């Protein structure tokens, strides 16, 4: 059958290319309903700010090769199973499923790589599953404790999903730092105690008590300069969790002031793997189940700002690149 796939072809350029796809005997064919654009990672590729020689993602079968142009990318696709291979149970036919698959009109996949959409959960909400799973992983890695002062830098879709999860904890204070007012307002609606602009960090973000500073800081903005700001709000024995991927952009951070004596820790968090100290109790399946439970209760409608036809996908990336203040989560829709 005909398959239309989105390719990043050059800096600031995308193209939809046609090919043929068939399901092998151990696969199913999925017709896509909607896919979510991951603004952070996909804009790095769109802007040629991702290392081209880097493997796309060894943990996702649908993402093969590296990140050099031309490249198919994306990992938040929801659709309906329309065909089953000879060795696949016919019960799969007609199911609504999620796949870590690039943006394309239909695709073949093995059933074990698919997540059935839970009954009652809208397909558009399910397209946000990777963001909620990432937020779940960030919270597991950060290990927030009762009464702690937590700061989140960045209120994009992952940042907002993280705020939603953190707001259920009995924290001392949850503060969000975000340059765009619309996103600050969303953060407040999702449970942040305060949401301030980056320019206000040094004047407005003060933590009384001993020890001073934030206990736990998340850097989720995608902006390397924000990592230095994140360090500025730490105190003795604070923890900084970096969920941003900067691609080829370098972070210029000051480690010569209080960082060394204050024993501040900086830890990367990436959803493709589980942190070593979590693997004894958590598996990827258990983490996914937790994320699905949170997704059921999250107000995803407020996070989805644009629905753009797949045929006009280039407009989606132009919007996110040129007018980030206008969008939070962009969905591509398929007829």
Protein backbone atom coordinates (compact mmCIF):
# COMPACT_ATOMS: atom_id res chain seq x y z
CA UNK A 1 0.00 0.00 0.00
CA UNK A 2 1.01 3.62 -0.48
CA UNK A 3 2.89 5.23 2.38
CA UNK A 4 3.55 8.96 2.75
CA UNK A 5 6.45 9.82 5.07
CA UNK A 6 7.78 13.11 6.38
CA UNK A 7 11.51 13.68 5.86
CA UNK A 8 13.77 16.41 7.17
CA UNK A 9 15.75 17.13 4.01
CA UNK A 10 17.88 20.20 4.81
CA UNK A 11 18.07 22.99 7.42
CA UNK A 12 14.58 24.49 7.63
CA UNK A 13 13.15 22.15 4.99
CA UNK A 14 10.87 19.12 5.07
CA UNK A 15 9.30 17.02 2.33
CA UNK A 16 6.66 14.31 2.13
CA UNK A 17 7.83 11.34 0.11
CA UNK A 18 5.79 8.40 -1.15
CA UNK A 19 6.75 4.73 -1.01
CA UNK A 20 5.14 1.32 -0.61
CA UNK A 21 4.62 -0.55 2.64
CA UNK A 22 3.42 -4.08 3.36
CA UNK A 23 3.10 -6.01 6.58
CA UNK A 24 5.34 -9.05 7.01
CA UNK A 25 3.75 -12.20 8.39
CA UNK A 26 4.64 -11.19 11.98
CA UNK A 27 3.55 -7.56 11.56
CA UNK A 28 0.41 -5.46 11.37
CA UNK A 29 -0.34 -2.49 9.15
CA UNK A 30 -1.38 0.68 10.97
CA UNK A 31 -3.18 3.61 9.36
CA UNK A 32 -2.23 6.79 11.19
CA UNK A 33 -4.84 9.03 12.78
CA UNK A 34 -2.65 11.60 14.52
CA UNK A 35 0.99 12.18 15.44
CA UNK A 36 2.51 14.64 17.90
CA UNK A 37 5.45 16.86 17.01
CA UNK A 38 8.21 16.74 19.62
CA UNK A 39 9.24 20.37 19.38
CA UNK A 40 12.47 20.03 21.34
CA UNK A 41 14.15 17.19 19.47
CA UNK A 42 12.54 17.73 16.09
CA UNK A 43 13.43 21.41 15.97
CA UNK A 44 17.07 20.50 16.60
CA UNK A 45 16.92 18.33 13.49
CA UNK A 46 14.94 20.95 11.55
CA UNK A 47 17.52 23.64 12.42
CA UNK A 48 20.51 21.37 11.78
CA UNK A 49 21.46 21.59 15.46
CA UNK A 50 21.51 17.81 16.02
CA UNK A 51 24.75 15.84 15.49
CA UNK A 52 24.19 14.18 12.13
CA UNK A 53 26.43 11.22 12.89
CA UNK A 54 24.48 10.31 16.03
CA UNK A 55 22.33 7.18 15.89
CA UNK A 56 18.66 8.18 15.75
CA UNK A 57 17.59 5.96 18.66
CA UNK A 58 18.84 2.43 19.22
CA UNK A 59 15.87 1.64 21.47
CA UNK A 60 13.22 2.38 18.79
CA UNK A 61 13.16 -0.02 15.85
CA UNK A 62 11.30 2.44 13.61
CA UNK A 63 14.11 5.00 13.92
CA UNK A 64 16.98 3.49 11.97
CA UNK A 65 20.16 5.14 10.72
CA UNK A 66 21.60 8.40 12.00
CA UNK A 67 20.36 11.99 12.15
CA UNK A 68 21.97 13.21 8.93
CA UNK A 69 19.74 14.52 6.13
CA UNK A 70 17.47 13.19 4.75
CA UNK A 71 15.99 11.63 7.87
CA UNK A 72 12.60 10.39 9.03
CA UNK A 73 11.95 11.24 12.64
CA UNK A 74 9.18 11.37 15.22
CA UNK A 75 8.02 8.99 17.92
CA UNK A 76 4.42 9.78 18.87
CA UNK A 77 1.99 8.19 16.41
CA UNK A 78 -1.52 6.87 17.01
CA UNK A 79 -3.54 4.93 14.46
CA UNK A 80 -5.75 1.94 13.70
CA UNK A 81 -4.64 -1.56 12.75
CA UNK A 82 -6.08 -2.27 9.31
CA UNK A 83 -4.25 -5.49 8.32
CA UNK A 84 -2.58 -8.36 10.14
CA UNK A 85 0.17 -10.68 8.96
CA UNK A 86 -0.45 -14.40 8.71
CA UNK A 87 1.10 -15.20 12.09
CA UNK A 88 -0.61 -12.33 13.95
CA UNK A 89 -3.88 -12.83 15.84
CA UNK A 90 -6.81 -11.30 13.94
CA UNK A 91 -7.94 -9.69 17.20
CA UNK A 92 -5.44 -6.93 16.47
CA UNK A 93 -7.45 -5.80 13.46
CA UNK A 94 -9.42 -2.63 14.23
CA UNK A 95 -7.51 -1.81 17.41
CA UNK A 96 -6.44 1.75 18.15
CA UNK A 97 -2.73 1.68 18.96
CA UNK A 98 0.21 3.92 19.83
CA UNK A 99 3.64 3.50 18.21
CA UNK A 100 7.05 5.12 18.60
CA UNK A 101 7.04 5.76 14.87
CA UNK A 102 7.99 8.68 12.58
CA UNK A 103 5.37 10.91 10.99
CA UNK A 104 3.84 8.88 8.14
CA UNK A 105 0.39 7.99 6.85
CA UNK A 106 0.70 4.24 7.48
CA UNK A 107 3.38 1.86 8.66
CA UNK A 108 4.10 -1.76 9.49
CA UNK A 109 5.05 -2.82 13.01
CA UNK A 110 5.23 -5.91 15.17
CA UNK A 111 2.48 -6.14 17.81
CA UNK A 112 5.00 -6.17 20.65
CA UNK A 113 6.16 -2.68 19.63
CA UNK A 114 2.63 -1.25 19.92
CA UNK A 115 0.69 0.02 22.94
CA UNK A 116 -3.10 -0.43 22.71
CA UNK A 117 -4.92 2.84 23.44
CA UNK A 118 -6.76 2.37 26.76
CA UNK A 119 -10.54 2.33 26.53
CA UNK A 120 -11.99 5.80 26.97
CA UNK A 121 -8.72 7.65 26.32
CA UNK A 122 -8.94 9.99 23.30
CA UNK A 123 -6.41 9.28 20.55
CA UNK A 124 -5.15 12.87 20.71
CA UNK A 125 -4.36 12.42 24.39
CA UNK A 126 -2.53 9.18 23.61
CA UNK A 127 -0.28 11.08 21.20
CA UNK A 128 1.12 12.88 24.25
CA UNK A 129 2.19 9.60 25.86
CA UNK A 130 5.94 10.08 25.15
CA UNK A 131 5.91 13.48 26.86
CA UNK A 132 4.12 12.09 29.91
CA UNK A 133 6.44 9.07 30.01
CA UNK A 134 9.43 11.43 29.84
CA UNK A 135 7.95 13.49 32.69
CA UNK A 136 7.44 10.30 34.68
CA UNK A 137 11.07 9.35 34.12
CA UNK A 138 12.21 12.82 35.20
CA UNK A 139 10.24 12.60 38.44
CA UNK A 140 11.61 9.11 39.16
CA UNK A 141 15.15 10.35 38.56
CA UNK A 142 14.67 13.52 40.62
CA UNK A 143 13.22 11.73 43.66
CA UNK A 144 11.31 14.74 45.07
CA UNK A 145 10.80 14.65 48.82
CA UNK A 146 8.14 16.06 51.07
CA UNK A 147 8.63 19.76 51.77
CA UNK A 148 11.30 20.27 49.12
CA UNK A 149 11.67 23.47 47.11
CA UNK A 150 11.58 22.50 43.44
CA UNK A 151 12.27 24.69 40.41
CA UNK A 152 11.49 23.73 36.81
CA UNK A 153 13.22 25.67 34.03
CA UNK A 154 11.19 25.43 30.82
CA UNK A 155 7.43 25.08 30.34
CA UNK A 156 7.26 23.42 26.96
CA UNK A 157 5.20 20.26 26.68
CA UNK A 158 7.64 18.11 28.69
CA UNK A 159 8.08 20.83 31.30
CA UNK A 160 4.33 21.25 31.70
CA UNK A 161 3.75 17.50 31.97
CA UNK A 162 6.48 17.40 34.63
CA UNK A 163 4.82 20.24 36.53
CA UNK A 164 1.52 18.36 36.42
CA UNK A 165 3.15 15.30 38.02
CA UNK A 166 5.15 17.29 40.58
CA UNK A 167 2.05 19.22 41.66
CA UNK A 168 0.67 15.99 43.18
CA UNK A 169 3.62 15.81 45.61
CA UNK A 170 3.55 17.55 49.03
CA UNK A 171 6.35 19.91 48.08
CA UNK A 172 7.31 23.02 49.96
CA UNK A 173 7.12 25.14 46.80
CA UNK A 174 6.99 24.45 43.08
CA UNK A 175 8.34 27.27 40.89
CA UNK A 176 8.51 27.42 37.10
CA UNK A 177 10.89 29.63 35.12
CA UNK A 178 9.72 30.29 31.57
CA UNK A 179 10.15 33.27 29.19
CA UNK A 180 6.69 32.98 27.53
CA UNK A 181 3.72 34.31 29.50
CA UNK A 182 1.21 31.89 27.93
CA UNK A 183 3.26 28.95 29.14
CA UNK A 184 3.72 30.50 32.58
CA UNK A 185 -0.05 30.72 32.86
CA UNK A 186 -0.39 27.06 31.86
CA UNK A 187 2.14 26.13 34.54
CA UNK A 188 0.08 27.92 37.18
CA UNK A 189 -3.08 26.18 36.00
CA UNK A 190 -1.33 22.81 36.28
CA UNK A 191 -0.32 23.43 39.88
CA UNK A 192 2.84 25.55 40.01
CA UNK A 193 2.92 27.83 43.05
CA UNK A 194 4.82 30.47 41.08
CA UNK A 195 5.79 31.00 37.45
CA UNK A 196 8.32 33.71 36.65
CA UNK A 197 10.36 34.96 33.70
CA UNK A 198 14.10 34.18 33.50
CA UNK A 199 14.93 37.86 34.03
CA UNK A 200 13.24 37.65 37.45
CA UNK A 201 15.26 34.69 38.74
CA UNK A 202 17.91 36.70 40.58
CA UNK A 203 15.45 39.21 42.07
CA UNK A 204 12.30 37.17 42.67
CA UNK A 205 13.50 33.62 43.33
CA UNK A 206 14.63 33.58 46.93
CA UNK A 207 14.40 30.66 49.32
CA UNK A 208 14.49 31.43 53.00
CA UNK A 209 15.71 28.94 55.54
CA UNK A 210 18.80 26.89 56.18
CA UNK A 211 20.14 25.60 53.89
CA UNK A 212 19.39 28.24 51.28
CA UNK A 213 18.56 27.56 47.66
CA UNK A 214 16.35 25.09 45.85
CA UNK A 215 16.56 21.42 46.79
CA UNK A 216 15.78 20.06 43.35
CA UNK A 217 16.06 21.82 39.98
CA UNK A 218 14.96 20.55 36.57
CA UNK A 219 16.44 22.05 33.40
CA UNK A 220 13.93 21.29 30.64
CA UNK A 221 14.08 24.43 28.50
CA UNK A 222 16.35 23.17 25.73
CA UNK A 223 18.35 26.38 26.18
CA UNK A 224 21.97 25.72 27.27
CA UNK A 225 22.16 29.12 29.01
CA UNK A 226 19.38 28.02 31.35
CA UNK A 227 21.65 25.40 32.88
CA UNK A 228 23.83 28.14 34.34
CA UNK A 229 20.70 29.86 35.67
CA UNK A 230 19.62 26.55 37.19
CA UNK A 231 22.93 26.30 39.06
CA UNK A 232 22.45 29.85 40.36
CA UNK A 233 19.35 28.83 42.35
CA UNK A 234 20.96 25.81 44.01
CA UNK A 235 22.39 25.57 47.51
CA UNK A 236 24.36 23.03 49.50
CA UNK A 237 23.75 19.45 48.33
CA UNK A 238 21.16 20.50 45.74
CA UNK A 239 20.29 18.25 42.81
CA UNK A 240 20.02 19.38 39.18
CA UNK A 241 18.30 17.07 36.69
CA UNK A 242 18.99 17.92 33.05
CA UNK A 243 16.25 16.63 30.78
CA UNK A 244 17.11 18.96 27.91
CA UNK A 245 18.95 17.72 24.87
CA UNK A 246 21.04 20.57 23.47
CA UNK A 247 22.20 18.81 20.32
CA UNK A 248 25.30 20.57 19.00
CA UNK A 249 24.74 23.64 21.19
CA UNK A 250 27.23 23.96 24.03
CA UNK A 251 26.42 24.98 27.60
CA UNK A 252 28.68 27.65 29.11
CA UNK A 253 28.33 27.11 32.86
CA UNK A 254 30.13 28.60 35.84
CA UNK A 255 31.54 25.83 38.02
CA UNK A 256 34.08 28.07 39.72
CA UNK A 257 31.89 29.83 42.27
CA UNK A 258 29.78 27.90 44.80
CA UNK A 259 29.28 24.72 42.76
CA UNK A 260 32.32 22.85 44.06
CA UNK A 261 32.05 23.64 47.75
CA UNK A 262 28.28 23.17 47.78
CA UNK A 263 28.54 19.60 46.47
CA UNK A 264 25.84 20.26 43.86
CA UNK A 265 25.07 17.27 41.67
CA UNK A 266 24.15 17.50 37.98
CA UNK A 267 22.52 14.43 36.46
CA UNK A 268 21.27 13.74 32.96
CA UNK A 269 17.87 12.11 32.55
CA UNK A 270 16.86 10.42 29.31
CA UNK A 271 13.73 8.34 28.82
CA UNK A 272 15.30 5.73 26.53
CA UNK A 273 16.84 4.05 29.58
CA UNK A 274 16.16 3.65 33.29
CA UNK A 275 18.57 5.08 35.84
CA UNK A 276 20.70 2.33 37.43
CA UNK A 277 19.34 2.99 40.92
CA UNK A 278 15.75 2.55 39.66
CA UNK A 279 16.18 -0.72 37.79
CA UNK A 280 15.75 -2.91 40.84
CA UNK A 281 12.09 -1.93 41.18
CA UNK A 282 11.14 -0.30 37.89
CA UNK A 283 10.99 -1.77 34.40
CA UNK A 284 10.13 0.12 31.24
CA UNK A 285 6.72 -1.58 31.25
CA UNK A 286 6.02 -0.49 34.81
CA UNK A 287 7.09 3.08 34.04
CA UNK A 288 4.84 3.09 30.95
CA UNK A 289 1.90 1.87 33.03
CA UNK A 290 2.45 4.69 35.52
CA UNK A 291 2.61 7.22 32.68
CA UNK A 292 -0.65 5.90 31.20
CA UNK A 293 -2.36 6.27 34.58
CA UNK A 294 -1.25 9.89 34.77
CA UNK A 295 -2.25 10.52 31.17
CA UNK A 296 -5.83 9.49 31.97
CA UNK A 297 -6.16 12.29 34.53
CA UNK A 298 -4.17 15.00 32.75
CA UNK A 299 -5.92 17.89 31.02
CA UNK A 300 -4.30 17.29 27.63
CA UNK A 301 -6.85 19.41 25.75
CA UNK A 302 -5.38 22.56 27.28
CA UNK A 303 -1.91 21.60 26.05
CA UNK A 304 -2.86 20.94 22.42
CA UNK A 305 -2.83 24.31 20.66
CA UNK A 306 -2.67 23.36 16.97
CA UNK A 307 -3.94 20.58 14.71
CA UNK A 308 -2.33 20.78 11.27
CA UNK A 309 -3.01 18.43 8.33
CA UNK A 310 -0.11 16.11 7.57
CA UNK A 311 0.03 17.44 4.01
CA UNK A 312 0.87 20.87 5.49
CA UNK A 313 3.46 19.57 7.97
CA UNK A 314 6.06 22.11 6.88
CA UNK A 315 3.78 24.83 8.28
CA UNK A 316 3.91 23.11 11.68
CA UNK A 317 7.70 23.34 11.87
CA UNK A 318 7.68 26.89 10.54
CA UNK A 319 5.23 27.81 13.32
CA UNK A 320 7.31 26.19 16.05
CA UNK A 321 10.53 27.68 14.68
CA UNK A 322 9.33 31.24 14.07
CA UNK A 323 6.45 31.70 16.53
CA UNK A 324 7.08 29.49 19.59
CA UNK A 325 4.97 31.79 21.73
CA UNK A 326 1.88 30.74 19.75
CA UNK A 327 2.14 27.00 20.27
CA UNK A 328 2.63 24.36 22.94
CA UNK A 329 1.70 20.98 21.45
CA UNK A 330 1.22 20.68 17.69
CA UNK A 331 -0.52 17.61 16.27
CA UNK A 332 -0.41 16.40 12.68
CA UNK A 333 -3.74 15.00 11.54
CA UNK A 334 -4.26 12.40 8.82
CA UNK A 335 -7.33 11.84 6.65
